[in-house]
Amino acid sequence: MKELIPFSNGTEADYWQINNCHKCALYEFESTDISAAGCKLAFELDFGRISGTISDEAAKGIGYTQIDNKFVTLVEKCKQFKME
């Protein structure tokens, strides 16, 4: 499993999550374990806010346009997005 850097800073991460995770019916932020998470991709992104990285599997699940070394460019709208 390769670890990738999805955001260059916290503002970029906030913008992406506000327009994806926070508007998605699958999102919840109370899980303390990925197995209980409403959306495992969002859980990994939330954890990635601390670690700075996400797995390549999460990047594939979300969708991306480019991988350059350890940096990944996520798509504008998550592939798993569901309207509330």
C-alpha atoms as a PDB file:
ATOM      1  CA  MET A   1       0.000   0.000   0.000  1.00  0.00           C
ATOM      2  CA  LYS A   2       1.408   3.344  -1.070  1.00  0.00           C
ATOM      3  CA  GLU A   3       0.787   6.460   1.017  1.00  0.00           C
ATOM      4  CA  LEU A   4      -0.123   9.582  -0.966  1.00  0.00           C
ATOM      5  CA  ILE A   5      -0.367  13.285  -0.084  1.00  0.00           C
ATOM      6  CA  PRO A   6      -3.811  14.561  -1.157  1.00  0.00           C
ATOM      7  CA  PHE A   7      -3.668  18.214  -0.067  1.00  0.00           C
ATOM      8  CA  SER A   8      -0.935  20.819   0.019  1.00  0.00           C
ATOM      9  CA  ASN A   9      -2.368  22.572   3.087  1.00  0.00           C
ATOM     10  CA  GLY A  10      -5.270  22.635   5.526  1.00  0.00           C
ATOM     11  CA  THR A  11      -7.257  25.196   3.546  1.00  0.00           C
ATOM     12  CA  GLU A  12      -7.217  22.982   0.466  1.00  0.00           C
ATOM     13  CA  ALA A  13      -8.310  20.004   2.596  1.00  0.00           C
ATOM     14  CA  ASP A  14     -11.122  22.057   4.187  1.00  0.00           C
ATOM     15  CA  TYR A  15     -12.392  23.223   0.794  1.00  0.00           C
ATOM     16  CA  TRP A  16     -12.465  19.702  -0.631  1.00  0.00           C
ATOM     17  CA  GLN A  17     -14.119  18.139   2.414  1.00  0.00           C
ATOM     18  CA  ILE A  18     -16.719  20.918   2.769  1.00  0.00           C
ATOM     19  CA  ASN A  19     -17.754  20.383  -0.852  1.00  0.00           C
ATOM     20  CA  ASN A  20     -17.715  16.598  -0.648  1.00  0.00           C
ATOM     21  CA  CYS A  21     -17.722  14.794   2.703  1.00  0.00           C
ATOM     22  CA  HIS A  22     -19.705  17.378   4.658  1.00  0.00           C
ATOM     23  CA  LYS A  23     -22.508  17.377   2.056  1.00  0.00           C
ATOM     24  CA  CYS A  24     -22.602  13.598   1.591  1.00  0.00           C
ATOM     25  CA  ALA A  25     -25.276  11.339   3.088  1.00  0.00           C
ATOM     26  CA  LEU A  26     -22.597   8.765   4.004  1.00  0.00           C
ATOM     27  CA  TYR A  27     -20.510  11.157   6.113  1.00  0.00           C
ATOM     28  CA  GLU A  28     -20.424  11.002   9.896  1.00  0.00           C
ATOM     29  CA  PHE A  29     -17.623  11.992  12.223  1.00  0.00           C
ATOM     30  CA  GLU A  30     -18.295  10.030  15.395  1.00  0.00           C
ATOM     31  CA  SER A  31     -16.669   6.710  14.457  1.00  0.00           C
ATOM     32  CA  THR A  32     -13.448   5.878  16.230  1.00  0.00           C
ATOM     33  CA  ASP A  33     -12.695   2.846  14.055  1.00  0.00           C
ATOM     34  CA  ILE A  34     -12.692   2.591  10.272  1.00  0.00           C
ATOM     35  CA  SER A  35     -14.785  -0.601  10.353  1.00  0.00           C
ATOM     36  CA  ALA A  36     -17.680   1.332  11.952  1.00  0.00           C
ATOM     37  CA  ALA A  37     -17.373   4.414   9.723  1.00  0.00           C
ATOM     38  CA  GLY A  38     -20.312   5.448   7.557  1.00  0.00           C
ATOM     39  CA  CYS A  39     -17.801   6.207   4.804  1.00  0.00           C
ATOM     40  CA  LYS A  40     -14.382   4.595   5.042  1.00  0.00           C
ATOM     41  CA  LEU A  41     -12.969   7.085   2.513  1.00  0.00           C
ATOM     42  CA  ALA A  42     -14.058  10.060   4.628  1.00  0.00           C
ATOM     43  CA  PHE A  43     -12.652   8.362   7.729  1.00  0.00           C
ATOM     44  CA  GLU A  44      -9.314   7.962   5.990  1.00  0.00           C
ATOM     45  CA  LEU A  45      -9.375  11.595   4.828  1.00  0.00           C
ATOM     46  CA  ASP A  46     -10.177  12.740   8.378  1.00  0.00           C
ATOM     47  CA  PHE A  47      -7.270  10.669   9.698  1.00  0.00           C
ATOM     48  CA  GLY A  48      -5.132  11.991   6.848  1.00  0.00           C
ATOM     49  CA  ARG A  49      -5.657  15.498   8.206  1.00  0.00           C
ATOM     50  CA  ILE A  50      -3.406  14.381  11.062  1.00  0.00           C
ATOM     51  CA  SER A  51      -0.973  12.080   9.254  1.00  0.00           C
ATOM     52  CA  GLY A  52      -0.834  14.104   6.029  1.00  0.00           C
ATOM     53  CA  THR A  53      -1.376  11.038   3.820  1.00  0.00           C
ATOM     54  CA  ILE A  54      -4.058   8.673   2.534  1.00  0.00           C
ATOM     55  CA  SER A  55      -3.672   5.219   1.022  1.00  0.00           C
ATOM     56  CA  ASP A  56      -3.588   4.703  -2.713  1.00  0.00           C
ATOM     57  CA  GLU A  57      -6.728   2.554  -2.262  1.00  0.00           C
ATOM     58  CA  ALA A  58      -8.591   5.538  -0.767  1.00  0.00           C
ATOM     59  CA  ALA A  59      -7.392   7.762  -3.622  1.00  0.00           C
ATOM     60  CA  LYS A  60      -8.735   5.198  -6.124  1.00  0.00           C
ATOM     61  CA  GLY A  61     -12.075   5.038  -4.284  1.00  0.00           C
ATOM     62  CA  ILE A  62     -12.417   8.823  -4.230  1.00  0.00           C
ATOM     63  CA  GLY A  63     -11.103   9.280  -7.744  1.00  0.00           C
ATOM     64  CA  TYR A  64      -8.055  11.162  -8.913  1.00  0.00           C
ATOM     65  CA  THR A  65      -6.763  12.838 -12.030  1.00  0.00           C
ATOM     66  CA  GLN A  66      -3.034  12.512 -11.431  1.00  0.00           C
ATOM     67  CA  ILE A  67      -0.378  10.946  -9.218  1.00  0.00           C
ATOM     68  CA  ASP A  68       3.029  12.615  -9.224  1.00  0.00           C
ATOM     69  CA  ASN A  69       5.481  10.765  -6.994  1.00  0.00           C
ATOM     70  CA  LYS A  70       3.730  10.958  -3.569  1.00  0.00           C
ATOM     71  CA  PHE A  71       1.281  13.732  -4.471  1.00  0.00           C
ATOM     72  CA  VAL A  72      -2.227  12.895  -5.714  1.00  0.00           C
ATOM     73  CA  THR A  73      -4.735  15.263  -7.316  1.00  0.00           C
ATOM     74  CA  LEU A  74      -8.232  14.231  -6.240  1.00  0.00           C
ATOM     75  CA  VAL A  75     -11.241  14.727  -8.507  1.00  0.00           C
ATOM     76  CA  GLU A  76     -13.498  17.673  -7.766  1.00  0.00           C
ATOM     77  CA  LYS A  77     -16.411  15.432  -6.681  1.00  0.00           C
ATOM     78  CA  CYS A  78     -15.856  12.119  -4.885  1.00  0.00           C
ATOM     79  CA  LYS A  79     -16.971   9.047  -6.855  1.00  0.00           C
ATOM     80  CA  GLN A  80     -18.828   7.764  -3.745  1.00  0.00           C
ATOM     81  CA  PHE A  81     -20.716  11.048  -3.144  1.00  0.00           C
ATOM     82  CA  LYS A  82     -24.411  10.650  -2.296  1.00  0.00           C
ATOM     83  CA  MET A  83     -26.743  13.616  -1.845  1.00  0.00           C
ATOM     84  CA  GLU A  84     -28.188  14.052   1.638  1.00  0.00           C
END
